[in-house]
PDB file of N, CA and C in Angstrom:
ATOM      1  N   UNK A   1      95.691 130.470  88.233  1.00  0.00           N
ATOM      2  CA  UNK A   1      95.746 129.809  89.481  1.00  0.00           C
ATOM      3  C   UNK A   1      95.496 129.942  90.820  1.00  0.00           C
ATOM      4  N   UNK A   2      95.123 129.245  91.042  1.00  0.00           N
ATOM      5  CA  UNK A   2      94.090 129.872  92.290  1.00  0.00           C
ATOM      6  C   UNK A   2      94.979 129.728  93.080  1.00  0.00           C
ATOM      7  N   UNK A   3      94.606 129.895  94.730  1.00  0.00           N
ATOM      8  CA  UNK A   3      95.794 129.472  95.786  1.00  0.00           C
ATOM      9  C   UNK A   3      96.253 128.341  96.319  1.00  0.00           C
ATOM     10  N   UNK A   4      94.956 127.765  96.304  1.00  0.00           N
ATOM     11  CA  UNK A   4      94.928 126.099  96.639  1.00  0.00           C
ATOM     12  C   UNK A   4      96.073 125.259  95.581  1.00  0.00           C
ATOM     13  N   UNK A   5      95.371 125.512  94.462  1.00  0.00           N
ATOM     14  CA  UNK A   5      96.209 125.215  93.245  1.00  0.00           C
ATOM     15  C   UNK A   5      97.825 125.458  93.922  1.00  0.00           C
ATOM     16  N   UNK A   6      98.827 126.547  93.476  1.00  0.00           N
ATOM     17  CA  UNK A   6      99.837 126.918  93.790  1.00  0.00           C
ATOM     18  C   UNK A   6     100.119 126.051  95.276  1.00  0.00           C
ATOM     19  N   UNK A   7      99.281 125.948  96.667  1.00  0.00           N
ATOM     20  CA  UNK A   7      99.820 125.085  97.318  1.00  0.00           C
ATOM     21  C   UNK A   7     100.670 123.781  96.989  1.00  0.00           C
ATOM     22  N   UNK A   8      99.218 123.235  96.268  1.00  0.00           N
ATOM     23  CA  UNK A   8      99.341 122.011  95.888  1.00  0.00           C
ATOM     24  C   UNK A   8     100.332 121.858  95.027  1.00  0.00           C
ATOM     25  N   UNK A   9     100.740 122.511  93.837  1.00  0.00           N
ATOM     26  CA  UNK A   9     101.756 122.499  93.268  1.00  0.00           C
ATOM     27  C   UNK A   9     103.163 122.653  93.917  1.00  0.00           C
ATOM     28  N   UNK A  10     103.428 123.257  95.095  1.00  0.00           N
ATOM     29  CA  UNK A  10     104.656 123.426  95.882  1.00  0.00           C
ATOM     30  C   UNK A  10     104.520 122.070  96.458  1.00  0.00           C
ATOM     31  N   UNK A  11     103.304 121.596  97.587  1.00  0.00           N
ATOM     32  CA  UNK A  11     103.872 120.568  97.904  1.00  0.00           C
ATOM     33  C   UNK A  11     104.405 119.069  97.096  1.00  0.00           C
ATOM     34  N   UNK A  12     103.320 118.709  96.096  1.00  0.00           N
ATOM     35  CA  UNK A  12     103.613 117.756  95.389  1.00  0.00           C
ATOM     36  C   UNK A  12     104.947 117.693  94.430  1.00  0.00           C
ATOM     37  N   UNK A  13     105.855 119.371  94.269  1.00  0.00           N
ATOM     38  CA  UNK A  13     106.899 119.551  93.745  1.00  0.00           C
ATOM     39  C   UNK A  13     108.024 119.322  95.201  1.00  0.00           C
ATOM     40  N   UNK A  14     108.034 119.359  95.954  1.00  0.00           N
ATOM     41  CA  UNK A  14     108.640 118.701  97.335  1.00  0.00           C
ATOM     42  C   UNK A  14     108.741 117.467  97.438  1.00  0.00           C
ATOM     43  N   UNK A  15     107.344 117.046  97.269  1.00  0.00           N
ATOM     44  CA  UNK A  15     107.733 115.414  97.618  1.00  0.00           C
ATOM     45  C   UNK A  15     107.849 114.526  96.263  1.00  0.00           C
ATOM     46  N   UNK A  16     108.049 115.345  95.292  1.00  0.00           N
ATOM     47  CA  UNK A  16     108.922 114.515  94.286  1.00  0.00           C
ATOM     48  C   UNK A  16     110.571 113.986  94.504  1.00  0.00           C
ATOM     49  N   UNK A  17     111.112 114.616  94.786  1.00  0.00           N
ATOM     50  CA  UNK A  17     112.426 114.501  95.315  1.00  0.00           C
ATOM     51  C   UNK A  17     112.276 113.871  96.855  1.00  0.00           C
ATOM     52  N   UNK A  18     113.350 112.689  96.180  1.00  0.00           N
ATOM     53  CA  UNK A  18     113.371 111.799  97.465  1.00  0.00           C
ATOM     54  C   UNK A  18     114.212 112.026  98.801  1.00  0.00           C
ATOM     55  N   UNK A  19     115.507 112.782  98.409  1.00  0.00           N
ATOM     56  CA  UNK A  19     115.968 113.613  99.460  1.00  0.00           C
ATOM     57  C   UNK A  19     115.021 114.429 100.385  1.00  0.00           C
ATOM     58  N   UNK A  20     114.273 115.008 100.022  1.00  0.00           N
ATOM     59  CA  UNK A  20     113.552 115.920 100.437  1.00  0.00           C
ATOM     60  C   UNK A  20     112.243 114.763 101.302  1.00  0.00           C
ATOM     61  N   UNK A  21     112.062 113.804 100.727  1.00  0.00           N
ATOM     62  CA  UNK A  21     110.957 112.700 101.343  1.00  0.00           C
ATOM     63  C   UNK A  21     111.419 112.358 102.366  1.00  0.00           C
ATOM     64  N   UNK A  22     113.058 111.715 102.091  1.00  0.00           N
ATOM     65  CA  UNK A  22     113.508 111.132 103.205  1.00  0.00           C
ATOM     66  C   UNK A  22     114.184 111.884 104.592  1.00  0.00           C
ATOM     67  N   UNK A  23     114.200 113.541 104.453  1.00  0.00           N
ATOM     68  CA  UNK A  23     114.379 114.565 105.332  1.00  0.00           C
ATOM     69  C   UNK A  23     112.941 114.659 106.335  1.00  0.00           C
ATOM     70  N   UNK A  24     111.715 114.744 105.456  1.00  0.00           N
ATOM     71  CA  UNK A  24     110.803 114.769 106.074  1.00  0.00           C
ATOM     72  C   UNK A  24     110.729 113.240 106.698  1.00  0.00           C
ATOM     73  N   UNK A  25     110.800 112.382 106.315  1.00  0.00           N
ATOM     74  CA  UNK A  25     110.933 110.900 107.697  1.00  0.00           C
ATOM     75  C   UNK A  25     111.808 111.328 108.516  1.00  0.00           C
ATOM     76  N   UNK A  26     113.018 111.972 108.087  1.00  0.00           N
ATOM     77  CA  UNK A  26     113.113 111.879 110.173  1.00  0.00           C
ATOM     78  C   UNK A  26     112.870 112.905 110.687  1.00  0.00           C
ATOM     79  N   UNK A  27     112.585 114.060 110.016  1.00  0.00           N
ATOM     80  CA  UNK A  27     111.734 114.965 111.549  1.00  0.00           C
ATOM     81  C   UNK A  27     110.355 114.364 111.995  1.00  0.00           C
ATOM     82  N   UNK A  28     110.122 113.269 111.313  1.00  0.00           N
ATOM     83  CA  UNK A  28     108.838 113.127 111.734  1.00  0.00           C
ATOM     84  C   UNK A  28     109.081 112.181 113.282  1.00  0.00           C
ATOM     85  N   UNK A  29     110.447 111.591 113.353  1.00  0.00           N
ATOM     86  CA  UNK A  29     110.941 111.144 114.675  1.00  0.00           C
ATOM     87  C   UNK A  29     111.234 112.474 115.605  1.00  0.00           C
ATOM     88  N   UNK A  30     111.682 113.702 115.460  1.00  0.00           N
ATOM     89  CA  UNK A  30     112.390 114.672 116.293  1.00  0.00           C
ATOM     90  C   UNK A  30     112.809 115.600 115.382  1.00  0.00           C
ATOM     91  N   UNK A  31     112.533 116.901 115.812  1.00  0.00           N
ATOM     92  CA  UNK A  31     113.040 118.074 115.151  1.00  0.00           C
ATOM     93  C   UNK A  31     114.638 118.492 115.034  1.00  0.00           C
ATOM     94  N   UNK A  32     115.116 118.930 114.189  1.00  0.00           N
ATOM     95  CA  UNK A  32     116.697 118.175 114.268  1.00  0.00           C
ATOM     96  C   UNK A  32     117.641 119.532 113.865  1.00  0.00           C
ATOM     97  N   UNK A  33     118.555 119.419 114.094  1.00  0.00           N
ATOM     98  CA  UNK A  33     119.779 121.059 113.575  1.00  0.00           C
ATOM     99  C   UNK A  33     119.951 120.693 111.609  1.00  0.00           C
ATOM    100  N   UNK A  34     119.905 121.949 110.995  1.00  0.00           N
ATOM    101  CA  UNK A  34     120.106 121.618 109.730  1.00  0.00           C
ATOM    102  C   UNK A  34     121.898 120.456 109.774  1.00  0.00           C
ATOM    103  N   UNK A  35     122.316 121.065 110.499  1.00  0.00           N
ATOM    104  CA  UNK A  35     123.881 119.954 110.309  1.00  0.00           C
ATOM    105  C   UNK A  35     123.430 118.314 110.724  1.00  0.00           C
ATOM    106  N   UNK A  36     122.407 117.850 111.471  1.00  0.00           N
ATOM    107  CA  UNK A  36     121.973 116.642 111.864  1.00  0.00           C
ATOM    108  C   UNK A  36     121.106 116.264 111.074  1.00  0.00           C
ATOM    109  N   UNK A  37     120.391 117.024 109.993  1.00  0.00           N
ATOM    110  CA  UNK A  37     119.818 116.932 109.041  1.00  0.00           C
ATOM    111  C   UNK A  37     121.103 116.201 107.874  1.00  0.00           C
ATOM    112  N   UNK A  38     121.872 117.130 107.538  1.00  0.00           N
ATOM    113  CA  UNK A  38     122.962 116.748 106.321  1.00  0.00           C
ATOM    114  C   UNK A  38     123.634 115.800 106.734  1.00  0.00           C
ATOM    115  N   UNK A  39     123.740 115.634 107.940  1.00  0.00           N
ATOM    116  CA  UNK A  39     124.782 114.472 108.193  1.00  0.00           C
ATOM    117  C   UNK A  39     124.817 112.951 107.922  1.00  0.00           C
ATOM    118  N   UNK A  40     123.320 112.148 107.297  1.00  0.00           N
ATOM    119  CA  UNK A  40     122.937 111.059 106.491  1.00  0.00           C
ATOM    120  C   UNK A  40     123.555 111.088 104.788  1.00  0.00           C
ATOM    121  N   UNK A  41     123.222 112.253 104.259  1.00  0.00           N
ATOM    122  CA  UNK A  41     123.617 112.636 102.881  1.00  0.00           C
ATOM    123  C   UNK A  41     125.122 112.651 102.400  1.00  0.00           C
ATOM    124  N   UNK A  42     125.459 112.240 101.242  1.00  0.00           N
ATOM    125  CA  UNK A  42     126.611 112.465 100.957  1.00  0.00           C
ATOM    126  C   UNK A  42     126.267 113.425  99.216  1.00  0.00           C
ATOM    127  N   UNK A  43     125.655 114.970  99.950  1.00  0.00           N
ATOM    128  CA  UNK A  43     125.537 116.067  99.282  1.00  0.00           C
ATOM    129  C   UNK A  43     125.986 117.014 100.797  1.00  0.00           C
ATOM    130  N   UNK A  44     126.077 117.910  99.854  1.00  0.00           N
ATOM    131  CA  UNK A  44     126.678 119.315 100.278  1.00  0.00           C
ATOM    132  C   UNK A  44     125.789 120.122 101.503  1.00  0.00           C
ATOM    133  N   UNK A  45     126.129 120.718 102.160  1.00  0.00           N
ATOM    134  CA  UNK A  45     125.613 121.474 103.481  1.00  0.00           C
ATOM    135  C   UNK A  45     124.586 122.437 102.730  1.00  0.00           C
ATOM    136  N   UNK A  46     124.849 122.903 101.919  1.00  0.00           N
ATOM    137  CA  UNK A  46     124.362 123.890 100.687  1.00  0.00           C
ATOM    138  C   UNK A  46     122.908 123.579  99.887  1.00  0.00           C
ATOM    139  N   UNK A  47     123.565 122.136  99.699  1.00  0.00           N
ATOM    140  CA  UNK A  47     122.359 121.506  98.741  1.00  0.00           C
ATOM    141  C   UNK A  47     121.447 121.038  99.635  1.00  0.00           C
ATOM    142  N   UNK A  48     121.574 120.581 100.980  1.00  0.00           N
ATOM    143  CA  UNK A  48     120.946 120.425 102.184  1.00  0.00           C
ATOM    144  C   UNK A  48     119.640 121.512 102.180  1.00  0.00           C
ATOM    145  N   UNK A  49     120.568 122.467 102.614  1.00  0.00           N
ATOM    146  CA  UNK A  49     119.691 123.725 102.859  1.00  0.00           C
ATOM    147  C   UNK A  49     118.737 124.377 101.976  1.00  0.00           C
ATOM    148  N   UNK A  50     119.181 123.905 100.572  1.00  0.00           N
ATOM    149  CA  UNK A  50     117.903 124.445  99.493  1.00  0.00           C
ATOM    150  C   UNK A  50     116.869 123.421  99.754  1.00  0.00           C
ATOM    151  N   UNK A  51     117.341 122.084  99.625  1.00  0.00           N
ATOM    152  CA  UNK A  51     115.985 121.175  99.596  1.00  0.00           C
ATOM    153  C   UNK A  51     115.239 121.656 100.987  1.00  0.00           C
ATOM    154  N   UNK A  52     115.541 121.909 102.801  1.00  0.00           N
ATOM    155  CA  UNK A  52     115.157 122.192 103.404  1.00  0.00           C
ATOM    156  C   UNK A  52     114.585 124.044 102.620  1.00  0.00           C
ATOM    157  N   UNK A  53     115.030 125.180 102.244  1.00  0.00           N
ATOM    158  CA  UNK A  53     114.235 126.182 101.736  1.00  0.00           C
ATOM    159  C   UNK A  53     112.835 125.687 100.781  1.00  0.00           C
ATOM    160  N   UNK A  54     113.108 124.570  99.803  1.00  0.00           N
ATOM    161  CA  UNK A  54     111.962 123.538  99.500  1.00  0.00           C
ATOM    162  C   UNK A  54     110.797 123.605 100.371  1.00  0.00           C
ATOM    163  N   UNK A  55     110.739 122.702 100.973  1.00  0.00           N
ATOM    164  CA  UNK A  55     110.410 122.252 101.955  1.00  0.00           C
ATOM    165  C   UNK A  55     109.655 123.149 102.858  1.00  0.00           C
ATOM    166  N   UNK A  56     110.004 124.219 103.304  1.00  0.00           N
ATOM    167  CA  UNK A  56     109.842 125.342 103.850  1.00  0.00           C
ATOM    168  C   UNK A  56     108.822 125.921 103.144  1.00  0.00           C
ATOM    169  N   UNK A  57     108.921 126.409 101.668  1.00  0.00           N
ATOM    170  CA  UNK A  57     108.330 127.279 101.323  1.00  0.00           C
ATOM    171  C   UNK A  57     107.027 126.649 100.632  1.00  0.00           C
ATOM    172  N   UNK A  58     106.755 125.174 100.877  1.00  0.00           N
ATOM    173  CA  UNK A  58     105.902 123.864 100.492  1.00  0.00           C
ATOM    174  C   UNK A  58     105.257 124.143 101.752  1.00  0.00           C
ATOM    175  N   UNK A  59     105.383 124.352 103.182  1.00  0.00           N
ATOM    176  CA  UNK A  59     104.890 124.737 104.083  1.00  0.00           C
ATOM    177  C   UNK A  59     104.969 123.384 104.802  1.00  0.00           C
ATOM    178  N   UNK A  60     105.565 122.488 104.335  1.00  0.00           N
ATOM    179  CA  UNK A  60     105.929 121.284 105.195  1.00  0.00           C
ATOM    180  C   UNK A  60     106.879 121.659 106.209  1.00  0.00           C
ATOM    181  N   UNK A  61     107.505 122.532 106.209  1.00  0.00           N
ATOM    182  CA  UNK A  61     108.797 122.575 107.596  1.00  0.00           C
ATOM    183  C   UNK A  61     108.803 123.669 107.937  1.00  0.00           C
ATOM    184  N   UNK A  62     109.246 123.801 108.941  1.00  0.00           N
ATOM    185  CA  UNK A  62     109.240 124.994 109.704  1.00  0.00           C
ATOM    186  C   UNK A  62     110.721 125.528 110.444  1.00  0.00           C
ATOM    187  N   UNK A  63     111.393 126.258 109.959  1.00  0.00           N
ATOM    188  CA  UNK A  63     112.335 126.153 110.649  1.00  0.00           C
ATOM    189  C   UNK A  63     112.747 127.606 111.380  1.00  0.00           C
ATOM    190  N   UNK A  64     113.714 127.559 112.427  1.00  0.00           N
ATOM    191  CA  UNK A  64     113.940 128.231 113.827  1.00  0.00           C
ATOM    192  C   UNK A  64     114.840 128.400 114.009  1.00  0.00           C
ATOM    193  N   UNK A  65     115.729 129.397 114.330  1.00  0.00           N
ATOM    194  CA  UNK A  65     116.926 129.757 114.588  1.00  0.00           C
ATOM    195  C   UNK A  65     117.490 129.751 116.289  1.00  0.00           C
ATOM    196  N   UNK A  66     117.522 128.856 116.957  1.00  0.00           N
ATOM    197  CA  UNK A  66     117.601 129.365 118.593  1.00  0.00           C
ATOM    198  C   UNK A  66     120.048 129.189 118.426  1.00  0.00           C
ATOM    199  N   UNK A  67     119.706 130.811 118.782  1.00  0.00           N
ATOM    200  CA  UNK A  67     121.654 130.968 118.750  1.00  0.00           C
ATOM    201  C   UNK A  67     122.381 130.768 117.802  1.00  0.00           C
ATOM    202  N   UNK A  68     122.939 130.598 117.086  1.00  0.00           N
ATOM    203  CA  UNK A  68     123.706 129.698 116.101  1.00  0.00           C
ATOM    204  C   UNK A  68     123.267 128.820 115.156  1.00  0.00           C
ATOM    205  N   UNK A  69     122.019 128.042 116.136  1.00  0.00           N
ATOM    206  CA  UNK A  69     121.779 126.748 114.983  1.00  0.00           C
ATOM    207  C   UNK A  69     120.114 126.785 114.567  1.00  0.00           C
ATOM    208  N   UNK A  70     120.362 126.569 113.460  1.00  0.00           N
ATOM    209  CA  UNK A  70     118.890 126.572 112.693  1.00  0.00           C
ATOM    210  C   UNK A  70     118.362 124.987 112.870  1.00  0.00           C
ATOM    211  N   UNK A  71     117.251 125.007 113.709  1.00  0.00           N
ATOM    212  CA  UNK A  71     116.340 124.134 113.578  1.00  0.00           C
ATOM    213  C   UNK A  71     115.091 123.532 112.862  1.00  0.00           C
ATOM    214  N   UNK A  72     114.965 122.285 112.555  1.00  0.00           N
ATOM    215  CA  UNK A  72     114.373 121.923 111.271  1.00  0.00           C
ATOM    216  C   UNK A  72     112.971 121.532 112.257  1.00  0.00           C
ATOM    217  N   UNK A  73     111.790 121.597 112.103  1.00  0.00           N
ATOM    218  CA  UNK A  73     110.529 120.960 112.753  1.00  0.00           C
ATOM    219  C   UNK A  73     109.397 120.586 111.696  1.00  0.00           C
ATOM    220  N   UNK A  74     108.904 119.556 111.753  1.00  0.00           N
ATOM    221  CA  UNK A  74     107.814 119.430 111.291  1.00  0.00           C
ATOM    222  C   UNK A  74     106.608 120.130 111.156  1.00  0.00           C
ATOM    223  N   UNK A  75     106.018 120.312 109.968  1.00  0.00           N
ATOM    224  CA  UNK A  75     104.491 121.776 110.173  1.00  0.00           C
ATOM    225  C   UNK A  75     103.724 120.228 110.322  1.00  0.00           C
ATOM    226  N   UNK A  76     102.824 120.353 111.403  1.00  0.00           N
ATOM    227  CA  UNK A  76     101.985 119.079 111.607  1.00  0.00           C
ATOM    228  C   UNK A  76     100.806 119.611 110.635  1.00  0.00           C
ATOM    229  N   UNK A  77     100.247 120.586 110.004  1.00  0.00           N
ATOM    230  CA  UNK A  77      99.335 120.349 109.046  1.00  0.00           C
ATOM    231  C   UNK A  77      99.696 120.663 107.603  1.00  0.00           C
ATOM    232  N   UNK A  78     101.048 120.464 107.327  1.00  0.00           N
ATOM    233  CA  UNK A  78     101.360 120.447 105.686  1.00  0.00           C
ATOM    234  C   UNK A  78     101.142 120.090 104.942  1.00  0.00           C
ATOM    235  N   UNK A  79     100.533 118.766 105.428  1.00  0.00           N
ATOM    236  CA  UNK A  79     100.126 117.901 104.182  1.00  0.00           C
ATOM    237  C   UNK A  79      98.553 117.896 103.969  1.00  0.00           C
ATOM    238  N   UNK A  80      98.373 118.778 105.008  1.00  0.00           N
ATOM    239  CA  UNK A  80      96.456 118.701 104.465  1.00  0.00           C
ATOM    240  C   UNK A  80      95.908 119.317 103.722  1.00  0.00           C
ATOM    241  N   UNK A  81      96.217 119.744 102.928  1.00  0.00           N
ATOM    242  CA  UNK A  81      95.916 120.808 101.519  1.00  0.00           C
ATOM    243  C   UNK A  81      95.998 119.190 100.597  1.00  0.00           C
ATOM    244  N   UNK A  82      96.873 118.768 100.772  1.00  0.00           N
ATOM    245  CA  UNK A  82      97.297 117.907  99.989  1.00  0.00           C
ATOM    246  C   UNK A  82      96.497 116.099 100.075  1.00  0.00           C
ATOM    247  N   UNK A  83      96.837 116.141 101.335  1.00  0.00           N
ATOM    248  CA  UNK A  83      95.543 114.861 101.496  1.00  0.00           C
ATOM    249  C   UNK A  83      94.393 114.895 101.556  1.00  0.00           C
ATOM    250  N   UNK A  84      93.420 115.962 101.842  1.00  0.00           N
ATOM    251  CA  UNK A  84      92.201 116.324 101.268  1.00  0.00           C
ATOM    252  C   UNK A  84      91.977 116.345 100.068  1.00  0.00           C
ATOM    253  N   UNK A  85      92.942 116.840  99.397  1.00  0.00           N
ATOM    254  CA  UNK A  85      92.702 116.530  97.925  1.00  0.00           C
ATOM    255  C   UNK A  85      92.740 115.100  97.238  1.00  0.00           C
ATOM    256  N   UNK A  86      93.590 114.117  97.646  1.00  0.00           N
ATOM    257  CA  UNK A  86      93.774 113.331  97.419  1.00  0.00           C
ATOM    258  C   UNK A  86      92.859 111.962  97.862  1.00  0.00           C
ATOM    259  N   UNK A  87      92.354 112.325  99.250  1.00  0.00           N
ATOM    260  CA  UNK A  87      91.509 111.708 100.047  1.00  0.00           C
ATOM    261  C   UNK A  87      89.755 111.933  98.584  1.00  0.00           C
ATOM    262  N   UNK A  88      89.816 112.967  97.863  1.00  0.00           N
ATOM    263  CA  UNK A  88      89.074 113.333  96.909  1.00  0.00           C
ATOM    264  C   UNK A  88      88.320 112.180  95.830  1.00  0.00           C
ATOM    265  N   UNK A  89      89.715 111.032  95.574  1.00  0.00           N
ATOM    266  CA  UNK A  89      89.739 110.240  94.489  1.00  0.00           C
ATOM    267  C   UNK A  89      90.008 108.961  95.252  1.00  0.00           C
ATOM    268  N   UNK A  90      89.558 108.807  96.341  1.00  0.00           N
ATOM    269  CA  UNK A  90      89.307 107.130  97.122  1.00  0.00           C
ATOM    270  C   UNK A  90      87.875 107.500  97.876  1.00  0.00           C
ATOM    271  N   UNK A  91      87.183 108.461  97.528  1.00  0.00           N
ATOM    272  CA  UNK A  91      86.196 108.433  98.384  1.00  0.00           C
ATOM    273  C   UNK A  91      85.164 107.082  98.113  1.00  0.00           C
ATOM    274  N   UNK A  92      85.057 106.195  96.715  1.00  0.00           N
ATOM    275  CA  UNK A  92      84.228 105.374  97.022  1.00  0.00           C
ATOM    276  C   UNK A  92      85.114 104.169  97.314  1.00  0.00           C
ATOM    277  N   UNK A  93      84.923 103.295  98.488  1.00  0.00           N
ATOM    278  CA  UNK A  93      85.573 102.466  98.826  1.00  0.00           C
ATOM    279  C   UNK A  93      85.176 101.319  97.465  1.00  0.00           C
ATOM    280  N   UNK A  94      86.338 100.206  97.779  1.00  0.00           N
ATOM    281  CA  UNK A  94      85.871  98.752  96.702  1.00  0.00           C
ATOM    282  C   UNK A  94      84.705  97.977  97.555  1.00  0.00           C
ATOM    283  N   UNK A  95      83.794  97.598  96.277  1.00  0.00           N
ATOM    284  CA  UNK A  95      82.510  96.706  97.158  1.00  0.00           C
ATOM    285  C   UNK A  95      83.052  95.229  97.502  1.00  0.00           C
ATOM    286  N   UNK A  96      83.123  94.460  98.622  1.00  0.00           N
ATOM    287  CA  UNK A  96      83.579  93.569  98.899  1.00  0.00           C
ATOM    288  C   UNK A  96      82.081  93.019  99.300  1.00  0.00           C
ATOM    289  N   UNK A  97      82.608  91.674  97.664  1.00  0.00           N
ATOM    290  CA  UNK A  97      81.073  90.859  97.257  1.00  0.00           C
ATOM    291  C   UNK A  97      80.380  89.977  98.511  1.00  0.00           C
ATOM    292  N   UNK A  98      81.504  89.821  99.384  1.00  0.00           N
ATOM    293  CA  UNK A  98      81.423  88.970 100.561  1.00  0.00           C
ATOM    294  C   UNK A  98      80.629  89.227 101.364  1.00  0.00           C
ATOM    295  N   UNK A  99      80.570  90.793 101.833  1.00  0.00           N
ATOM    296  CA  UNK A  99      80.072  91.673 103.084  1.00  0.00           C
ATOM    297  C   UNK A  99      78.643  91.532 102.156  1.00  0.00           C
ATOM    298  N   UNK A 100      79.039  92.050 101.103  1.00  0.00           N
ATOM    299  CA  UNK A 100      77.356  92.464 100.323  1.00  0.00           C
ATOM    300  C   UNK A 100      76.538  91.109 100.294  1.00  0.00           C
ATOM    301  N   UNK A 101      76.796  90.173  99.826  1.00  0.00           N
ATOM    302  CA  UNK A 101      76.160  88.893 100.278  1.00  0.00           C
ATOM    303  C   UNK A 101      75.407  88.665 100.841  1.00  0.00           C
ATOM    304  N   UNK A 102      76.574  88.774 102.841  1.00  0.00           N
ATOM    305  CA  UNK A 102      76.163  88.847 103.777  1.00  0.00           C
ATOM    306  C   UNK A 102      74.986  89.440 103.933  1.00  0.00           C
ATOM    307  N   UNK A 103      75.641  90.993 104.009  1.00  0.00           N
ATOM    308  CA  UNK A 103      74.129  91.845 103.940  1.00  0.00           C
ATOM    309  C   UNK A 103      73.047  91.222 103.471  1.00  0.00           C
ATOM    310  N   UNK A 104      72.830  91.095 102.300  1.00  0.00           N
ATOM    311  CA  UNK A 104      71.418  90.374 101.283  1.00  0.00           C
ATOM    312  C   UNK A 104      70.883  89.779 102.322  1.00  0.00           C
ATOM    313  N   UNK A 105      72.090  88.348 102.680  1.00  0.00           N
ATOM    314  CA  UNK A 105      71.366  87.139 103.381  1.00  0.00           C
ATOM    315  C   UNK A 105      70.555  87.689 104.435  1.00  0.00           C
ATOM    316  N   UNK A 106      71.520  88.366 105.203  1.00  0.00           N
ATOM    317  CA  UNK A 106      70.194  89.183 106.957  1.00  0.00           C
ATOM    318  C   UNK A 106      69.225  89.609 106.293  1.00  0.00           C
ATOM    319  N   UNK A 107      69.504  90.951 105.030  1.00  0.00           N
ATOM    320  CA  UNK A 107      67.842  91.631 104.747  1.00  0.00           C
ATOM    321  C   UNK A 107      67.420  90.528 104.474  1.00  0.00           C
ATOM    322  N   UNK A 108      67.365  89.273 103.789  1.00  0.00           N
ATOM    323  CA  UNK A 108      66.334  88.384 103.137  1.00  0.00           C
ATOM    324  C   UNK A 108      65.968  87.638 104.416  1.00  0.00           C
ATOM    325  N   UNK A 109      66.403  87.052 105.517  1.00  0.00           N
ATOM    326  CA  UNK A 109      66.281  86.686 107.002  1.00  0.00           C
ATOM    327  C   UNK A 109      65.451  87.995 107.351  1.00  0.00           C
ATOM    328  N   UNK A 110      65.679  88.994 107.500  1.00  0.00           N
ATOM    329  CA  UNK A 110      64.684  89.742 108.447  1.00  0.00           C
ATOM    330  C   UNK A 110      63.559  90.194 107.689  1.00  0.00           C
ATOM    331  N   UNK A 111      63.553  90.094 106.290  1.00  0.00           N
ATOM    332  CA  UNK A 111      62.361  90.512 105.575  1.00  0.00           C
ATOM    333  C   UNK A 111      61.186  89.120 106.250  1.00  0.00           C
ATOM    334  N   UNK A 112      61.497  88.125 105.827  1.00  0.00           N
ATOM    335  CA  UNK A 112      61.129  87.108 106.154  1.00  0.00           C
ATOM    336  C   UNK A 112      60.286  86.461 107.418  1.00  0.00           C
ATOM    337  N   UNK A 113      61.366  86.756 108.176  1.00  0.00           N
ATOM    338  CA  UNK A 113      60.692  87.300 109.842  1.00  0.00           C
ATOM    339  C   UNK A 113      59.868  87.702 109.975  1.00  0.00           C
ATOM    340  N   UNK A 114      60.171  89.032 109.269  1.00  0.00           N
ATOM    341  CA  UNK A 114      58.226  90.111 109.614  1.00  0.00           C
ATOM    342  C   UNK A 114      57.454  89.215 108.602  1.00  0.00           C
ATOM    343  N   UNK A 115      57.315  88.586 107.393  1.00  0.00           N
ATOM    344  CA  UNK A 115      55.871  88.368 106.934  1.00  0.00           C
ATOM    345  C   UNK A 115      55.073  87.134 107.581  1.00  0.00           C
ATOM    346  N   UNK A 116      53.539  87.678 107.574  1.00  0.00           N
ATOM    347  CA  UNK A 116      52.493  86.847 108.026  1.00  0.00           C
ATOM    348  C   UNK A 116      53.443  85.159 107.932  1.00  0.00           C
ATOM    349  N   UNK A 117      53.079  84.302 108.857  1.00  0.00           N
ATOM    350  CA  UNK A 117      53.438  82.514 108.529  1.00  0.00           C
ATOM    351  C   UNK A 117      53.078  82.251 107.324  1.00  0.00           C
ATOM    352  N   UNK A 118      51.676  82.920 107.001  1.00  0.00           N
ATOM    353  CA  UNK A 118      51.085  82.070 105.153  1.00  0.00           C
ATOM    354  C   UNK A 118      51.561  82.544 103.876  1.00  0.00           C
ATOM    355  N   UNK A 119      52.470  83.893 104.599  1.00  0.00           N
ATOM    356  CA  UNK A 119      53.071  84.483 103.389  1.00  0.00           C
ATOM    357  C   UNK A 119      54.486  83.831 102.931  1.00  0.00           C
ATOM    358  N   UNK A 120      55.686  83.764 104.415  1.00  0.00           N
ATOM    359  CA  UNK A 120      56.516  83.195 104.513  1.00  0.00           C
ATOM    360  C   UNK A 120      56.856  82.078 103.814  1.00  0.00           C
TER     361      UNK A 120
END
């Protein structure tokens, strides 16, 4: 397994859980103390700590101790590898046939304008 594959596996595994996705959404707003992260969930603080550990191991968040409080912060580049990987599947935009038709009409009109009058 390559390091890139292991990183992607950890990221997608972390994102597979709805609680962890909700935590990431909360941290998108601002840094939070672990106890504040746990407040909206009907699970134990220990369970939230495990979720946070998974997110940290995947590189999606960073935890920092400030005095007696552990703060959680979204890691800005945490989703970069997954995003780049997913963009590889969407590299071809769907063809908009209306735009294509307008393009062809413009090209034909330009070509006709460039022809001598006896060939137009």
